[in-house]
PDB file of N, CA and C in Angstrom:
ATOM      1  N   MET A   1    -120.411-136.043   0.481  1.00  0.00           N
ATOM      2  CA  MET A   1    -119.436-136.175   1.535  1.00  0.00           C
ATOM      3  C   MET A   1    -119.156-134.786   2.110  1.00  0.00           C
ATOM      4  N   ALA A   2    -119.225-134.678   3.403  1.00  0.00           N
ATOM      5  CA  ALA A   2    -118.982-133.407   4.057  1.00  0.00           C
ATOM      6  C   ALA A   2    -117.496-133.106   4.059  1.00  0.00           C
ATOM      7  N   ILE A   3    -117.169-131.830   4.180  1.00  0.00           N
ATOM      8  CA  ILE A   3    -115.765-131.432   4.134  1.00  0.00           C
ATOM      9  C   ILE A   3    -114.980-131.989   5.315  1.00  0.00           C
ATOM     10  N   GLY A   4    -115.597-132.112   6.473  1.00  0.00           N
ATOM     11  CA  GLY A   4    -114.892-132.657   7.631  1.00  0.00           C
ATOM     12  C   GLY A   4    -114.487-134.100   7.421  1.00  0.00           C
ATOM     13  N   HIS A   5    -115.332-134.871   6.729  1.00  0.00           N
ATOM     14  CA  HIS A   5    -115.019-136.275   6.490  1.00  0.00           C
ATOM     15  C   HIS A   5    -113.864-136.413   5.508  1.00  0.00           C
ATOM     16  N   SER A   6    -113.832-135.573   4.488  1.00  0.00           N
ATOM     17  CA  SER A   6    -112.749-135.682   3.512  1.00  0.00           C
ATOM     18  C   SER A   6    -111.429-135.250   4.120  1.00  0.00           C
ATOM     19  N   LEU A   7    -111.441-134.256   5.000  1.00  0.00           N
ATOM     20  CA  LEU A   7    -110.207-133.850   5.668  1.00  0.00           C
ATOM     21  C   LEU A   7    -109.700-134.962   6.566  1.00  0.00           C
ATOM     22  N   HIS A   8    -110.617-135.628   7.271  1.00  0.00           N
ATOM     23  CA  HIS A   8    -110.221-136.717   8.152  1.00  0.00           C
ATOM     24  C   HIS A   8    -109.619-137.864   7.349  1.00  0.00           C
ATOM     25  N   ALA A   9    -110.211-138.196   6.232  1.00  0.00           N
ATOM     26  CA  ALA A   9    -109.701-139.286   5.400  1.00  0.00           C
ATOM     27  C   ALA A   9    -108.322-138.942   4.858  1.00  0.00           C
ATOM     28  N   ARG A  10    -108.114-137.710   4.491  1.00  0.00           N
ATOM     29  CA  ARG A  10    -106.807-137.297   3.984  1.00  0.00           C
ATOM     30  C   ARG A  10    -105.759-137.391   5.078  1.00  0.00           C
ATOM     31  N   ASN A  11    -106.091-136.947   6.298  1.00  0.00           N
ATOM     32  CA  ASN A  11    -105.126-136.976   7.384  1.00  0.00           C
ATOM     33  C   ASN A  11    -104.830-138.392   7.837  1.00  0.00           C
ATOM     34  N   VAL A  12    -105.813-139.274   7.807  1.00  0.00           N
ATOM     35  CA  VAL A  12    -105.569-140.674   8.149  1.00  0.00           C
ATOM     36  C   VAL A  12    -104.639-141.285   7.106  1.00  0.00           C
ATOM     37  N   GLY A  13    -104.813-140.912   5.856  1.00  0.00           N
ATOM     38  CA  GLY A  13    -103.909-141.378   4.809  1.00  0.00           C
ATOM     39  C   GLY A  13    -102.491-140.881   5.031  1.00  0.00           C
ATOM     40  N   GLN A  14    -102.336-139.643   5.510  1.00  0.00           N
ATOM     41  CA  GLN A  14    -101.013-139.126   5.807  1.00  0.00           C
ATOM     42  C   GLN A  14    -100.368-139.915   6.930  1.00  0.00           C
ATOM     43  N   ARG A  15    -101.170-140.336   7.903  1.00  0.00           N
ATOM     44  CA  ARG A  15    -100.612-141.104   9.013  1.00  0.00           C
ATOM     45  C   ARG A  15    -100.087-142.437   8.511  1.00  0.00           C
ATOM     46  N   SER A  16    -100.827-143.088   7.624  1.00  0.00           N
ATOM     47  CA  SER A  16    -100.374-144.385   7.138  1.00  0.00           C
ATOM     48  C   SER A  16     -99.128-144.246   6.273  1.00  0.00           C
ATOM     49  N   VAL A  17     -98.907-143.085   5.681  1.00  0.00           N
ATOM     50  CA  VAL A  17     -97.689-142.845   4.910  1.00  0.00           C
ATOM     51  C   VAL A  17     -96.527-142.545   5.844  1.00  0.00           C
ATOM     52  N   CYS A  18     -96.764-141.815   6.925  1.00  0.00           N
ATOM     53  CA  CYS A  18     -95.698-141.408   7.847  1.00  0.00           C
ATOM     54  C   CYS A  18     -95.264-142.537   8.772  1.00  0.00           C
ATOM     55  N   GLN A  19     -96.146-143.453   9.094  1.00  0.00           N
ATOM     56  CA  GLN A  19     -95.864-144.495  10.081  1.00  0.00           C
ATOM     57  C   GLN A  19     -94.653-145.362   9.726  1.00  0.00           C
ATOM     58  N   PRO A  20     -94.520-145.888   8.511  1.00  0.00           N
ATOM     59  CA  PRO A  20     -93.370-146.751   8.238  1.00  0.00           C
ATOM     60  C   PRO A  20     -92.030-146.028   8.330  1.00  0.00           C
ATOM     61  N   PHE A  21     -92.000-144.754   7.964  1.00  0.00           N
ATOM     62  CA  PHE A  21     -90.744-144.019   8.001  1.00  0.00           C
ATOM     63  C   PHE A  21     -90.242-143.812   9.426  1.00  0.00           C
ATOM     64  N   THR A  22     -91.151-143.634  10.362  1.00  0.00           N
ATOM     65  CA  THR A  22     -90.719-143.398  11.743  1.00  0.00           C
ATOM     66  C   THR A  22     -90.099-144.647  12.336  1.00  0.00           C
ATOM     67  N   THR A  23     -90.614-145.814  12.022  1.00  0.00           N
ATOM     68  CA  THR A  23     -90.037-147.035  12.583  1.00  0.00           C
ATOM     69  C   THR A  23     -88.750-147.404  11.868  1.00  0.00           C
ATOM     70  N   THR A  24     -88.617-147.060  10.603  1.00  0.00           N
ATOM     71  CA  THR A  24     -87.425-147.424   9.850  1.00  0.00           C
ATOM     72  C   THR A  24     -86.268-146.470  10.117  1.00  0.00           C
ATOM     73  N   TRP A  25     -86.519-145.180  10.079  1.00  0.00           N
ATOM     74  CA  TRP A  25     -85.439-144.205  10.106  1.00  0.00           C
ATOM     75  C   TRP A  25     -85.018-143.769  11.492  1.00  0.00           C
ATOM     76  N   PHE A  26     -85.900-143.782  12.440  1.00  0.00           N
ATOM     77  CA  PHE A  26     -85.522-143.263  13.751  1.00  0.00           C
ATOM     78  C   PHE A  26     -84.875-144.295  14.647  1.00  0.00           C
ATOM     79  N   GLY A  27     -85.157-145.553  14.417  1.00  0.00           N
ATOM     80  CA  GLY A  27     -84.558-146.585  15.244  1.00  0.00           C
ATOM     81  C   GLY A  27     -84.945-146.445  16.698  1.00  0.00           C
ATOM     82  N   LYS A  28     -83.971-146.144  17.538  1.00  0.00           N
ATOM     83  CA  LYS A  28     -84.207-146.127  18.979  1.00  0.00           C
ATOM     84  C   LYS A  28     -84.390-144.716  19.554  1.00  0.00           C
ATOM     85  N   LEU A  29     -84.446-143.711  18.735  1.00  0.00           N
ATOM     86  CA  LEU A  29     -84.684-142.350  19.240  1.00  0.00           C
ATOM     87  C   LEU A  29     -86.158-142.213  19.578  1.00  0.00           C
ATOM     88  N   LEU A  30     -86.482-142.374  20.833  1.00  0.00           N
ATOM     89  CA  LEU A  30     -87.879-142.490  21.240  1.00  0.00           C
ATOM     90  C   LEU A  30     -88.648-141.185  21.075  1.00  0.00           C
ATOM     91  N   GLU A  31     -88.121-140.090  21.546  1.00  0.00           N
ATOM     92  CA  GLU A  31     -88.908-138.851  21.561  1.00  0.00           C
ATOM     93  C   GLU A  31     -89.205-138.293  20.173  1.00  0.00           C
ATOM     94  N   PRO A  32     -88.246-138.116  19.289  1.00  0.00           N
ATOM     95  CA  PRO A  32     -88.608-137.615  17.951  1.00  0.00           C
ATOM     96  C   PRO A  32     -89.508-138.581  17.195  1.00  0.00           C
ATOM     97  N   ALA A  33     -89.302-139.868  17.375  1.00  0.00           N
ATOM     98  CA  ALA A  33     -90.141-140.845  16.681  1.00  0.00           C
ATOM     99  C   ALA A  33     -91.571-140.772  17.195  1.00  0.00           C
ATOM    100  N   THR A  34     -91.710-140.612  18.493  1.00  0.00           N
ATOM    101  CA  THR A  34     -93.052-140.501  19.064  1.00  0.00           C
ATOM    102  C   THR A  34     -93.734-139.236  18.575  1.00  0.00           C
ATOM    103  N   LEU A  35     -92.982-138.151  18.510  1.00  0.00           N
ATOM    104  CA  LEU A  35     -93.553-136.900  18.012  1.00  0.00           C
ATOM    105  C   LEU A  35     -93.971-137.038  16.556  1.00  0.00           C
ATOM    106  N   ALA A  36     -93.148-137.657  15.757  1.00  0.00           N
ATOM    107  CA  ALA A  36     -93.489-137.831  14.336  1.00  0.00           C
ATOM    108  C   ALA A  36     -94.645-138.809  14.170  1.00  0.00           C
ATOM    109  N   ARG A  37     -94.706-139.811  15.026  1.00  0.00           N
ATOM    110  CA  ARG A  37     -95.740-140.838  14.912  1.00  0.00           C
ATOM    111  C   ARG A  37     -97.097-140.335  15.385  1.00  0.00           C
ATOM    112  N   THR A  38     -97.121-139.423  16.346  1.00  0.00           N
ATOM    113  CA  THR A  38     -98.394-138.974  16.904  1.00  0.00           C
ATOM    114  C   THR A  38     -98.820-137.588  16.431  1.00  0.00           C
ATOM    115  N   GLY A  39     -97.923-136.812  15.865  1.00  0.00           N
ATOM    116  CA  GLY A  39     -98.263-135.445  15.463  1.00  0.00           C
ATOM    117  C   GLY A  39     -99.317-135.382  14.373  1.00  0.00           C
ATOM    118  N   VAL A  40     -99.163-136.209  13.337  1.00  0.00           N
ATOM    119  CA  VAL A  40    -100.097-136.184  12.214  1.00  0.00           C
ATOM    120  C   VAL A  40    -101.481-136.694  12.627  1.00  0.00           C
ATOM    121  N   PRO A  41    -101.592-137.843  13.332  1.00  0.00           N
ATOM    122  CA  PRO A  41    -102.942-138.269  13.720  1.00  0.00           C
ATOM    123  C   PRO A  41    -103.588-137.360  14.754  1.00  0.00           C
ATOM    124  N   LEU A  42    -102.776-136.739  15.613  1.00  0.00           N
ATOM    125  CA  LEU A  42    -103.330-135.778  16.570  1.00  0.00           C
ATOM    126  C   LEU A  42    -103.926-134.586  15.828  1.00  0.00           C
ATOM    127  N   ALA A  43    -103.246-134.136  14.792  1.00  0.00           N
ATOM    128  CA  ALA A  43    -103.781-133.045  13.970  1.00  0.00           C
ATOM    129  C   ALA A  43    -105.052-133.473  13.258  1.00  0.00           C
ATOM    130  N   ALA A  44    -105.114-134.746  12.851  1.00  0.00           N
ATOM    131  CA  ALA A  44    -106.310-135.261  12.181  1.00  0.00           C
ATOM    132  C   ALA A  44    -107.513-135.261  13.106  1.00  0.00           C
ATOM    133  N   ILE A  45    -107.284-135.264  14.398  1.00  0.00           N
ATOM    134  CA  ILE A  45    -108.372-135.204  15.373  1.00  0.00           C
ATOM    135  C   ILE A  45    -108.675-133.759  15.751  1.00  0.00           C
ATOM    136  N   LEU A  46    -107.633-132.970  16.020  1.00  0.00           N
ATOM    137  CA  LEU A  46    -107.829-131.618  16.548  1.00  0.00           C
ATOM    138  C   LEU A  46    -108.413-130.647  15.532  1.00  0.00           C
ATOM    139  N   ILE A  47    -107.977-130.700  14.291  1.00  0.00           N
ATOM    140  CA  ILE A  47    -108.439-129.711  13.309  1.00  0.00           C
ATOM    141  C   ILE A  47    -109.932-129.862  13.008  1.00  0.00           C
ATOM    142  N   PRO A  48    -110.435-131.065  12.691  1.00  0.00           N
ATOM    143  CA  PRO A  48    -111.886-131.173  12.491  1.00  0.00           C
ATOM    144  C   PRO A  48    -112.691-130.916  13.763  1.00  0.00           C
ATOM    145  N   ALA A  49    -112.141-131.311  14.932  1.00  0.00           N
ATOM    146  CA  ALA A  49    -112.846-131.048  16.195  1.00  0.00           C
ATOM    147  C   ALA A  49    -112.962-129.554  16.437  1.00  0.00           C
ATOM    148  N   GLY A  50    -111.896-128.810  16.172  1.00  0.00           N
ATOM    149  CA  GLY A  50    -111.953-127.359  16.329  1.00  0.00           C
ATOM    150  C   GLY A  50    -112.936-126.724  15.370  1.00  0.00           C
ATOM    151  N   TYR A  51    -112.970-127.228  14.150  1.00  0.00           N
ATOM    152  CA  TYR A  51    -113.922-126.700  13.173  1.00  0.00           C
ATOM    153  C   TYR A  51    -115.354-126.953  13.620  1.00  0.00           C
ATOM    154  N   PHE A  52    -115.617-128.151  14.090  1.00  0.00           N
ATOM    155  CA  PHE A  52    -116.980-128.512  14.492  1.00  0.00           C
ATOM    156  C   PHE A  52    -117.392-127.800  15.770  1.00  0.00           C
ATOM    157  N   PHE A  53    -116.582-127.899  16.823  1.00  0.00           N
ATOM    158  CA  PHE A  53    -116.980-127.364  18.121  1.00  0.00           C
ATOM    159  C   PHE A  53    -116.954-125.839  18.175  1.00  0.00           C
ATOM    160  N   SER A  54    -116.155-125.192  17.327  1.00  0.00           N
ATOM    161  CA  SER A  54    -116.142-123.728  17.347  1.00  0.00           C
ATOM    162  C   SER A  54    -117.395-123.136  16.703  1.00  0.00           C
ATOM    163  N   SER A  55    -118.053-123.929  15.867  1.00  0.00           N
ATOM    164  CA  SER A  55    -119.263-123.415  15.225  1.00  0.00           C
ATOM    165  C   SER A  55    -120.533-124.038  15.790  1.00  0.00           C
ATOM    166  N   ALA A  56    -120.414-124.889  16.789  1.00  0.00           N
ATOM    167  CA  ALA A  56    -121.586-125.537  17.377  1.00  0.00           C
ATOM    168  C   ALA A  56    -122.345-124.544  18.245  1.00  0.00           C
ATOM    169  N   GLY A  57    -123.600-124.722  18.316  1.00  0.00           N
ATOM    170  CA  GLY A  57    -124.441-123.852  19.134  1.00  0.00           C
ATOM    171  C   GLY A  57    -125.543-123.237  18.309  1.00  0.00           C
ATOM    172  N   ARG A  58    -126.580-122.914  18.974  1.00  0.00           N
ATOM    173  CA  ARG A  58    -127.733-122.347  18.297  1.00  0.00           C
ATOM    174  C   ARG A  58    -127.504-120.851  18.063  1.00  0.00           C
ATOM    175  N   GLY A  59    -127.638-120.429  16.834  1.00  0.00           N
ATOM    176  CA  GLY A  59    -127.527-119.022  16.487  1.00  0.00           C
ATOM    177  C   GLY A  59    -126.102-118.475  16.522  1.00  0.00           C
ATOM    178  N   ALA A  60    -125.110-119.329  16.397  1.00  0.00           N
ATOM    179  CA  ALA A  60    -123.725-118.870  16.428  1.00  0.00           C
ATOM    180  C   ALA A  60    -123.396-118.148  15.125  1.00  0.00           C
ATOM    181  N   THR A  61    -122.903-116.932  15.254  1.00  0.00           N
ATOM    182  CA  THR A  61    -122.498-116.165  14.080  1.00  0.00           C
ATOM    183  C   THR A  61    -120.994-115.995  14.011  1.00  0.00           C
ATOM    184  N   GLN A  62    -120.310-116.245  15.121  1.00  0.00           N
ATOM    185  CA  GLN A  62    -118.854-116.172  15.167  1.00  0.00           C
ATOM    186  C   GLN A  62    -118.327-117.401  15.901  1.00  0.00           C
ATOM    187  N   PRO A  63    -117.115-117.823  15.592  1.00  0.00           N
ATOM    188  CA  PRO A  63    -116.571-118.989  16.289  1.00  0.00           C
ATOM    189  C   PRO A  63    -116.282-118.666  17.752  1.00  0.00           C
ATOM    190  N   ASN A  64    -116.429-119.687  18.589  1.00  0.00           N
ATOM    191  CA  ASN A  64    -116.108-119.488  19.997  1.00  0.00           C
ATOM    192  C   ASN A  64    -114.635-119.816  20.238  1.00  0.00           C
ATOM    193  N   ARG A  65    -114.240-119.908  21.503  1.00  0.00           N
ATOM    194  CA  ARG A  65    -112.828-120.084  21.839  1.00  0.00           C
ATOM    195  C   ARG A  65    -112.273-121.451  21.457  1.00  0.00           C
ATOM    196  N   LEU A  66    -113.141-122.389  21.132  1.00  0.00           N
ATOM    197  CA  LEU A  66    -112.657-123.711  20.732  1.00  0.00           C
ATOM    198  C   LEU A  66    -111.996-123.710  19.357  1.00  0.00           C
ATOM    199  N   ILE A  67    -112.000-122.563  18.691  1.00  0.00           N
ATOM    200  CA  ILE A  67    -111.272-122.446  17.429  1.00  0.00           C
ATOM    201  C   ILE A  67    -109.771-122.604  17.665  1.00  0.00           C
ATOM    202  N   LEU A  68    -109.343-122.468  18.911  1.00  0.00           N
ATOM    203  CA  LEU A  68    -107.932-122.667  19.243  1.00  0.00           C
ATOM    204  C   LEU A  68    -107.498-124.109  19.005  1.00  0.00           C
ATOM    205  N   LEU A  69    -108.450-125.044  18.963  1.00  0.00           N
ATOM    206  CA  LEU A  69    -108.113-126.427  18.630  1.00  0.00           C
ATOM    207  C   LEU A  69    -107.551-126.542  17.215  1.00  0.00           C
ATOM    208  N   ILE A  70    -108.006-125.696  16.324  1.00  0.00           N
ATOM    209  CA  ILE A  70    -107.488-125.708  14.955  1.00  0.00           C
ATOM    210  C   ILE A  70    -106.023-125.298  14.954  1.00  0.00           C
ATOM    211  N   TYR A  71    -105.687-124.272  15.706  1.00  0.00           N
ATOM    212  CA  TYR A  71    -104.297-123.833  15.787  1.00  0.00           C
ATOM    213  C   TYR A  71    -103.428-124.873  16.483  1.00  0.00           C
ATOM    214  N   ALA A  72    -103.955-125.518  17.511  1.00  0.00           N
ATOM    215  CA  ALA A  72    -103.209-126.584  18.190  1.00  0.00           C
ATOM    216  C   ALA A  72    -102.970-127.748  17.226  1.00  0.00           C
ATOM    217  N   GLY A  73    -103.953-128.065  16.400  1.00  0.00           N
ATOM    218  CA  GLY A  73    -103.785-129.114  15.402  1.00  0.00           C
ATOM    219  C   GLY A  73    -102.752-128.742  14.352  1.00  0.00           C
ATOM    220  N   ALA A  74    -102.734-127.480  13.967  1.00  0.00           N
ATOM    221  CA  ALA A  74    -101.736-127.036  12.987  1.00  0.00           C
ATOM    222  C   ALA A  74    -100.325-127.134  13.561  1.00  0.00           C
ATOM    223  N   VAL A  75    -100.171-126.780  14.832  1.00  0.00           N
ATOM    224  CA  VAL A  75     -98.868-126.897  15.490  1.00  0.00           C
ATOM    225  C   VAL A  75     -98.457-128.363  15.598  1.00  0.00           C
ATOM    226  N   ALA A  76     -99.391-129.236  15.968  1.00  0.00           N
ATOM    227  CA  ALA A  76     -99.093-130.668  16.065  1.00  0.00           C
ATOM    228  C   ALA A  76     -98.682-131.233  14.708  1.00  0.00           C
ATOM    229  N   LEU A  77     -99.368-130.811  13.659  1.00  0.00           N
ATOM    230  CA  LEU A  77     -99.026-131.273  12.317  1.00  0.00           C
ATOM    231  C   LEU A  77     -97.642-130.783  11.907  1.00  0.00           C
ATOM    232  N   ALA A  78     -97.357-129.522  12.162  1.00  0.00           N
ATOM    233  CA  ALA A  78     -96.053-128.966  11.798  1.00  0.00           C
ATOM    234  C   ALA A  78     -94.932-129.664  12.557  1.00  0.00           C
ATOM    235  N   LEU A  79     -95.092-129.859  13.854  1.00  0.00           N
ATOM    236  CA  LEU A  79     -94.061-130.522  14.642  1.00  0.00           C
ATOM    237  C   LEU A  79     -93.864-131.968  14.210  1.00  0.00           C
ATOM    238  N   GLY A  80     -94.956-132.655  13.925  1.00  0.00           N
ATOM    239  CA  GLY A  80     -94.843-134.034  13.467  1.00  0.00           C
ATOM    240  C   GLY A  80     -94.144-134.161  12.133  1.00  0.00           C
ATOM    241  N   VAL A  81     -94.451-133.270  11.200  1.00  0.00           N
ATOM    242  CA  VAL A  81     -93.829-133.328   9.880  1.00  0.00           C
ATOM    243  C   VAL A  81     -92.361-132.921   9.946  1.00  0.00           C
ATOM    244  N   VAL A  82     -92.039-131.930  10.779  1.00  0.00           N
ATOM    245  CA  VAL A  82     -90.636-131.526  10.940  1.00  0.00           C
ATOM    246  C   VAL A  82     -89.830-132.658  11.574  1.00  0.00           C
ATOM    247  N   ALA A  83     -90.375-133.297  12.601  1.00  0.00           N
ATOM    248  CA  ALA A  83     -89.670-134.414  13.232  1.00  0.00           C
ATOM    249  C   ALA A  83     -89.493-135.562  12.244  1.00  0.00           C
ATOM    250  N   LEU A  84     -90.489-135.815  11.417  1.00  0.00           N
ATOM    251  CA  LEU A  84     -90.373-136.854  10.404  1.00  0.00           C
ATOM    252  C   LEU A  84     -89.297-136.493   9.377  1.00  0.00           C
ATOM    253  N   GLY A  85     -89.260-135.236   8.968  1.00  0.00           N
ATOM    254  CA  GLY A  85     -88.241-134.789   8.017  1.00  0.00           C
ATOM    255  C   GLY A  85     -86.837-134.891   8.566  1.00  0.00           C
ATOM    256  N   ILE A  86     -86.669-134.533   9.830  1.00  0.00           N
ATOM    257  CA  ILE A  86     -85.361-134.657  10.461  1.00  0.00           C
ATOM    258  C   ILE A  86     -84.943-136.128  10.521  1.00  0.00           C
ATOM    259  N   GLY A  87     -85.888-136.986  10.842  1.00  0.00           N
ATOM    260  CA  GLY A  87     -85.581-138.409  10.882  1.00  0.00           C
ATOM    261  C   GLY A  87     -85.226-138.975   9.522  1.00  0.00           C
ATOM    262  N   LEU A  88     -85.872-138.479   8.487  1.00  0.00           N
ATOM    263  CA  LEU A  88     -85.573-138.970   7.146  1.00  0.00           C
ATOM    264  C   LEU A  88     -84.224-138.483   6.650  1.00  0.00           C
ATOM    265  N   LEU A  89     -83.829-137.284   7.076  1.00  0.00           N
ATOM    266  CA  LEU A  89     -82.547-136.726   6.627  1.00  0.00           C
ATOM    267  C   LEU A  89     -81.363-137.243   7.428  1.00  0.00           C
ATOM    268  N   SER A  90     -81.618-137.715   8.637  1.00  0.00           N
ATOM    269  CA  SER A  90     -80.477-138.157   9.465  1.00  0.00           C
ATOM    270  C   SER A  90     -80.234-139.637   9.342  1.00  0.00           C
TER     271      SER A  90
END
């Protein structure tokens, strides 16, 4: 199993864990719930995509600018988890 596949499976598992809490705890607060509901799966897409596309190409010895997708995925994950935590505490 390649490392990208195992990371994707782990992140999909995190989404299935986060999904019930957003519908239960946030109620009608649309924006934080949407952020918590979409942040984790968005990160599950962006981080492996950044890893793959930044190293794609013939003879690449350094990552290209698409490595910024990894940082965007990390930000999406952080925002989603923080929004989920706020929803769980409130």
